Amino acid sequence: MNTEKVIFIGGSGRCGTTLIAELLDCHPDIASIFEVHSLVFLLKCIRNNAVPGGGLLNSQRETIRHALLPSTEYNWRLTEEEALFAWEKILTEGIRSGEPLLDATRRWLGYLHRLQMLRDGSRYIAHKTPALALYLPELRLLQPEAFFIHIVRRPQDVILSYIEQDWGPDTLAEGIEWYCDRVGAVLEAKERFPNYVEIRFEDLVSAPARVLDEVQEVLGIENATGAILSHSLIDFEKITRRGDRLGGEEHARILREVGRRLPHIGEIYGAP
């Protein structure tokens, strides 16, 4: 079993996972790593009890190379040689030798995490990939003692942000489905994830010091809120409520449909 202290961060996407990961990265004892999409690929294989073949494994090499490009800003502190070594020598060869996929994935991920922490001088790793929200049961198998931070945000803001991207949902209906699938997956599985932490994006923006204090207390880590906020370059005053640009009918539709499917979110954000 790996000994690194892991904090997974996930959510609906466009919900503030990057914000909390960037803040935690400013903690002297936490190193953050962003968008490890190859882990999502492996978690899906674990769920489906499907051992990936050579072609699928090789296809992830480009995913890893993309993550290391300076333009992606994914915060990986590994070299390409180190990242590909981990994928080919630890994960791929392990699978080919008959090692169970869960064990090979755990060894591969532990290598990435330990290198990231070593470069940062940290004892905790904050691993942020929004789509992890879909795979809490598999994360529990992979890292039973890990924390999972779920950041929730007003659905109107998230869904309009989806539509404005060049990926993902194109319509309001698709955006509602996307949001409910991801948030719903977390809410369904959270009771079986002992170290579950939920943060409201709006609270983080309006009272970052209070939320950071609470998160560090739950994590059992020394409080460094002052250092985090002094080192952070985030301008909280520039963060807007994107969903306010929606029309009244669209606004009401999102609240109604999300509230019907996700009562917990409806309670937070005032579904009719």
Protein backbone atom coordinates (compact mmCIF):
# COMPACT_ATOMS: atom_id res chain seq x y z
CA MET A 1 0.00 0.00 0.00
CA ASN A 2 1.29 3.47 -0.83
CA THR A 3 2.04 5.71 2.14
CA GLU A 4 1.45 9.12 0.57
CA LYS A 5 -1.40 11.15 2.02
CA VAL A 6 -3.83 11.72 -0.81
CA ILE A 7 -6.54 14.35 -1.26
CA PHE A 8 -8.62 13.74 -4.37
CA ILE A 9 -10.58 16.73 -5.70
CA GLY A 10 -13.50 16.35 -8.08
CA GLY A 11 -16.88 17.73 -9.04
CA SER A 12 -19.14 18.64 -11.91
CA GLY A 13 -16.43 20.47 -13.83
CA ARG A 14 -16.44 24.28 -14.15
CA CYS A 15 -17.23 24.26 -10.44
CA GLY A 16 -14.03 25.47 -8.78
CA THR A 17 -11.86 22.37 -8.48
CA THR A 18 -8.93 24.33 -9.90
CA LEU A 19 -9.50 27.12 -7.40
CA ILE A 20 -9.30 24.90 -4.33
CA ALA A 21 -6.39 22.90 -5.80
CA GLU A 22 -4.41 26.07 -6.49
CA LEU A 23 -5.05 27.31 -2.97
CA LEU A 24 -4.01 24.01 -1.39
CA ASP A 25 -0.88 24.01 -3.54
CA CYS A 26 0.16 27.15 -1.65
CA HIS A 27 0.15 25.18 1.62
CA PRO A 28 3.77 24.34 2.54
CA ASP A 29 2.86 20.70 3.12
CA ILE A 30 0.64 20.07 0.07
CA ALA A 31 1.60 19.58 -3.58
CA SER A 32 -1.20 19.72 -6.14
CA ILE A 33 -1.32 17.91 -9.47
CA PHE A 34 -4.00 18.66 -12.07
CA GLU A 35 -5.89 16.69 -14.70
CA VAL A 36 -4.44 13.18 -14.57
CA HIS A 37 -6.87 11.91 -17.21
CA SER A 38 -5.07 8.59 -17.51
CA LEU A 39 -6.27 7.82 -13.99
CA VAL A 40 -9.88 8.36 -15.09
CA PHE A 41 -9.23 5.95 -17.99
CA LEU A 42 -7.92 3.33 -15.56
CA LEU A 43 -10.75 3.81 -13.06
CA LYS A 44 -13.24 3.16 -15.86
CA CYS A 45 -11.38 -0.05 -16.74
CA ILE A 46 -11.42 -1.11 -13.08
CA ARG A 47 -15.18 -0.47 -12.88
CA ASN A 48 -15.81 -2.53 -16.01
CA ASN A 49 -13.39 -5.27 -14.93
CA ALA A 50 -11.65 -4.80 -18.27
CA VAL A 51 -7.88 -5.08 -18.53
CA PRO A 52 -6.76 -2.57 -21.20
CA GLY A 53 -4.81 -3.97 -24.13
CA GLY A 54 -1.66 -2.63 -25.70
CA GLY A 55 -3.39 -0.27 -28.11
CA LEU A 56 -5.41 1.45 -25.39
CA LEU A 57 -2.40 1.67 -23.12
CA ASN A 58 -0.27 3.16 -25.88
CA SER A 59 -2.95 5.74 -26.67
CA GLN A 60 -2.52 7.19 -23.19
CA ARG A 61 1.06 8.21 -23.98
CA GLU A 62 -0.28 11.22 -25.88
CA THR A 63 -2.63 12.06 -23.02
CA ILE A 64 0.37 12.14 -20.70
CA ARG A 65 2.46 14.21 -23.11
CA HIS A 66 -0.40 16.70 -23.41
CA ALA A 67 -0.58 17.04 -19.63
CA LEU A 68 3.10 17.99 -19.56
CA LEU A 69 2.86 20.80 -22.13
CA PRO A 70 3.47 24.23 -20.55
CA SER A 71 0.37 25.53 -22.32
CA THR A 72 -1.91 23.13 -20.46
CA GLU A 73 -0.90 24.51 -17.04
CA TYR A 74 -1.63 21.17 -15.34
CA ASN A 75 1.09 21.71 -12.76
CA TRP A 76 2.88 18.38 -13.27
CA ARG A 77 6.39 18.59 -11.80
CA LEU A 78 7.60 15.50 -13.62
CA THR A 79 9.66 15.34 -16.77
CA GLU A 80 8.27 13.59 -19.83
CA GLU A 81 10.83 10.83 -19.34
CA GLU A 82 9.66 10.24 -15.76
CA ALA A 83 5.98 10.29 -16.66
CA LEU A 84 6.39 7.87 -19.57
CA PHE A 85 8.67 5.63 -17.51
CA ALA A 86 5.92 5.35 -14.93
CA TRP A 87 3.31 4.51 -17.55
CA GLU A 88 5.40 2.01 -19.50
CA LYS A 89 7.61 0.36 -16.88
CA ILE A 90 5.38 0.44 -13.83
CA LEU A 91 1.84 0.26 -15.19
CA THR A 92 2.03 -1.34 -18.65
CA GLU A 93 4.68 -3.95 -17.82
CA GLY A 94 2.91 -4.73 -14.57
CA ILE A 95 -0.34 -5.46 -16.41
CA ARG A 96 1.44 -7.52 -19.06
CA SER A 97 3.11 -9.61 -16.35
CA GLY A 98 -0.28 -10.49 -14.88
CA GLU A 99 -0.40 -8.01 -12.02
CA PRO A 100 -4.02 -7.10 -11.12
CA LEU A 101 -5.05 -3.82 -12.70
CA LEU A 102 -5.94 -2.26 -9.34
CA ASP A 103 -2.49 -3.04 -7.93
CA ALA A 104 -0.65 -1.81 -11.03
CA THR A 105 -2.71 1.39 -11.01
CA ARG A 106 -1.94 1.95 -7.33
CA ARG A 107 1.81 1.53 -7.89
CA TRP A 108 1.78 3.83 -10.94
CA LEU A 109 -0.22 6.52 -9.19
CA GLY A 110 1.95 6.31 -6.10
CA TYR A 111 5.05 6.92 -8.22
CA LEU A 112 3.52 10.04 -9.78
CA HIS A 113 2.38 11.33 -6.43
CA ARG A 114 5.68 10.75 -4.67
CA LEU A 115 7.68 12.51 -7.40
CA GLN A 116 5.28 15.45 -7.35
CA MET A 117 5.57 15.71 -3.56
CA LEU A 118 9.35 15.30 -3.65
CA ARG A 119 9.74 18.25 -6.02
CA ASP A 120 7.58 20.32 -3.70
CA GLY A 121 8.91 19.08 -0.36
CA SER A 122 5.39 18.11 0.71
CA ARG A 123 3.76 15.23 2.59
CA TYR A 124 0.29 15.56 1.06
CA ILE A 125 -0.78 15.36 -2.57
CA ALA A 126 -3.92 17.15 -3.79
CA HIS A 127 -4.97 15.34 -6.96
CA LYS A 128 -7.48 17.39 -8.93
CA THR A 129 -9.41 15.96 -11.87
CA PRO A 130 -13.13 16.86 -12.02
CA ALA A 131 -14.20 13.55 -13.60
CA LEU A 132 -13.02 11.67 -10.50
CA ALA A 133 -16.51 12.54 -9.29
CA LEU A 134 -17.80 9.60 -11.33
CA TYR A 135 -15.53 7.04 -9.64
CA LEU A 136 -15.68 7.32 -5.86
CA PRO A 137 -16.16 3.55 -5.35
CA GLU A 138 -13.04 2.81 -7.40
CA LEU A 139 -11.05 5.53 -5.63
CA ARG A 140 -12.04 3.94 -2.34
CA LEU A 141 -10.60 0.63 -3.53
CA LEU A 142 -7.48 2.33 -4.83
CA GLN A 143 -6.73 4.56 -1.84
CA PRO A 144 -8.93 3.58 1.14
CA GLU A 145 -7.54 6.28 3.42
CA ALA A 146 -7.68 9.13 0.90
CA PHE A 147 -9.78 12.24 1.32
CA PHE A 148 -12.22 13.36 -1.36
CA ILE A 149 -13.04 17.05 -1.65
CA HIS A 150 -16.24 17.64 -3.60
CA ILE A 151 -16.76 21.25 -4.58
CA VAL A 152 -20.30 22.16 -5.56
CA ARG A 153 -21.34 25.31 -7.39
CA ARG A 154 -24.62 26.94 -8.35
CA PRO A 155 -25.86 24.86 -11.31
CA GLN A 156 -26.77 27.88 -13.45
CA ASP A 157 -23.15 29.08 -13.39
CA VAL A 158 -21.75 25.64 -14.12
CA ILE A 159 -24.13 24.80 -16.95
CA LEU A 160 -23.70 28.10 -18.79
CA SER A 161 -19.95 27.67 -18.45
CA TYR A 162 -20.20 24.20 -20.01
CA ILE A 163 -22.02 25.59 -23.02
CA GLU A 164 -19.44 28.33 -23.52
CA GLN A 165 -16.53 25.86 -23.74
CA ASP A 166 -15.35 24.14 -26.92
CA TRP A 167 -15.94 20.72 -25.33
CA GLY A 168 -18.82 19.06 -23.53
CA PRO A 169 -22.51 20.00 -23.59
CA ASP A 170 -23.86 22.33 -26.27
CA THR A 171 -27.41 22.82 -25.00
CA LEU A 172 -29.15 23.54 -21.72
CA ALA A 173 -30.65 20.04 -21.65
CA GLU A 174 -27.24 18.43 -22.20
CA GLY A 175 -25.70 20.67 -19.56
CA ILE A 176 -28.32 19.71 -16.99
CA GLU A 177 -27.70 16.03 -17.74
CA TRP A 178 -23.93 16.44 -17.47
CA TYR A 179 -24.21 18.31 -14.16
CA CYS A 180 -26.65 15.86 -12.63
CA ASP A 181 -24.65 12.81 -13.72
CA ARG A 182 -21.45 14.03 -12.10
CA VAL A 183 -22.82 15.60 -8.96
CA GLY A 184 -25.33 12.79 -8.56
CA ALA A 185 -22.58 10.16 -8.75
CA VAL A 186 -20.76 11.80 -5.84
CA LEU A 187 -23.86 12.26 -3.72
CA GLU A 188 -24.85 8.63 -4.26
CA ALA A 189 -21.44 7.30 -3.22
CA LYS A 190 -20.33 9.78 -0.55
CA GLU A 191 -21.70 7.80 2.42
CA ARG A 192 -19.34 4.97 1.52
CA PHE A 193 -16.33 7.31 1.33
CA PRO A 194 -15.36 7.96 4.97
CA ASN A 195 -13.11 10.96 4.35
CA TYR A 196 -15.59 12.96 2.29
CA VAL A 197 -15.46 16.77 2.40
CA GLU A 198 -17.99 19.03 0.67
CA ILE A 199 -17.26 22.68 -0.12
CA ARG A 200 -19.58 25.27 -1.62
CA PHE A 201 -17.80 27.30 -4.28
CA GLU A 202 -19.69 30.40 -3.20
CA ASP A 203 -18.44 30.03 0.38
CA LEU A 204 -14.87 29.59 -0.82
CA VAL A 205 -15.09 32.81 -2.84
CA SER A 206 -16.84 34.91 -0.20
CA ALA A 207 -14.97 33.60 2.86
CA PRO A 208 -11.78 31.85 1.72
CA ALA A 209 -10.03 32.05 5.09
CA ARG A 210 -12.92 30.40 6.93
CA VAL A 211 -13.29 27.61 4.36
CA LEU A 212 -9.55 26.95 4.27
CA ASP A 213 -9.48 26.79 8.07
CA GLU A 214 -12.27 24.21 8.01
CA VAL A 215 -10.67 22.12 5.27
CA GLN A 216 -7.29 21.99 7.00
CA GLU A 217 -8.95 20.98 10.26
CA VAL A 218 -10.75 18.10 8.56
CA LEU A 219 -7.55 17.02 6.81
CA GLY A 220 -5.71 17.06 10.14
CA ILE A 221 -3.00 19.26 8.72
CA GLU A 222 -1.28 22.27 10.26
CA ASN A 223 -3.18 25.49 9.60
CA ALA A 224 -1.40 27.69 7.07
CA THR A 225 -4.29 29.85 5.87
CA GLY A 226 -2.29 33.05 6.18
CA ALA A 227 0.54 31.65 4.08
CA ILE A 228 -1.87 30.23 1.51
CA LEU A 229 -3.69 33.50 0.93
CA SER A 230 -0.51 35.57 0.94
CA HIS A 231 1.07 33.37 -1.75
CA SER A 232 -2.06 32.92 -3.86
CA LEU A 233 -2.49 35.06 -6.97
CA ILE A 234 -6.27 34.53 -7.08
CA ASP A 235 -8.36 37.70 -7.20
CA PHE A 236 -11.62 36.59 -5.59
CA GLU A 237 -13.36 39.86 -6.44
CA LYS A 238 -13.11 39.10 -10.16
CA ILE A 239 -15.00 35.81 -9.88
CA THR A 240 -18.50 36.36 -11.26
CA ARG A 241 -21.87 34.60 -11.23
CA ARG A 242 -21.87 33.60 -14.87
CA GLY A 243 -25.38 32.17 -14.70
CA ASP A 244 -26.88 35.60 -14.07
CA ARG A 245 -26.73 36.09 -17.84
CA LEU A 246 -29.38 33.41 -18.32
CA GLY A 247 -32.97 34.39 -18.99
CA GLY A 248 -35.58 33.94 -16.29
CA GLU A 249 -37.12 30.85 -17.88
CA GLU A 250 -33.73 29.17 -18.35
CA HIS A 251 -32.77 30.01 -14.79
CA ALA A 252 -35.97 28.51 -13.41
CA ARG A 253 -35.73 25.43 -15.61
CA ILE A 254 -32.25 24.59 -14.35
CA LEU A 255 -33.25 24.98 -10.71
CA ARG A 256 -36.41 22.95 -11.22
CA GLU A 257 -34.81 20.04 -13.08
CA VAL A 258 -31.64 19.88 -11.00
CA GLY A 259 -33.62 20.21 -7.78
CA ARG A 260 -35.91 17.36 -8.80
CA ARG A 261 -33.01 15.03 -9.57
CA LEU A 262 -30.64 16.22 -6.84
CA PRO A 263 -32.65 17.34 -3.80
CA HIS A 264 -29.45 18.10 -1.87
CA ILE A 265 -28.43 20.67 -4.49
CA GLY A 266 -31.98 22.00 -4.57
CA GLU A 267 -31.83 22.61 -0.82
CA ILE A 268 -28.55 24.49 -1.14
CA TYR A 269 -29.51 26.68 -4.08
CA GLY A 270 -33.24 27.14 -3.53
CA ALA A 271 -34.98 24.95 -6.09
CA PRO A 272 -38.66 25.89 -6.49
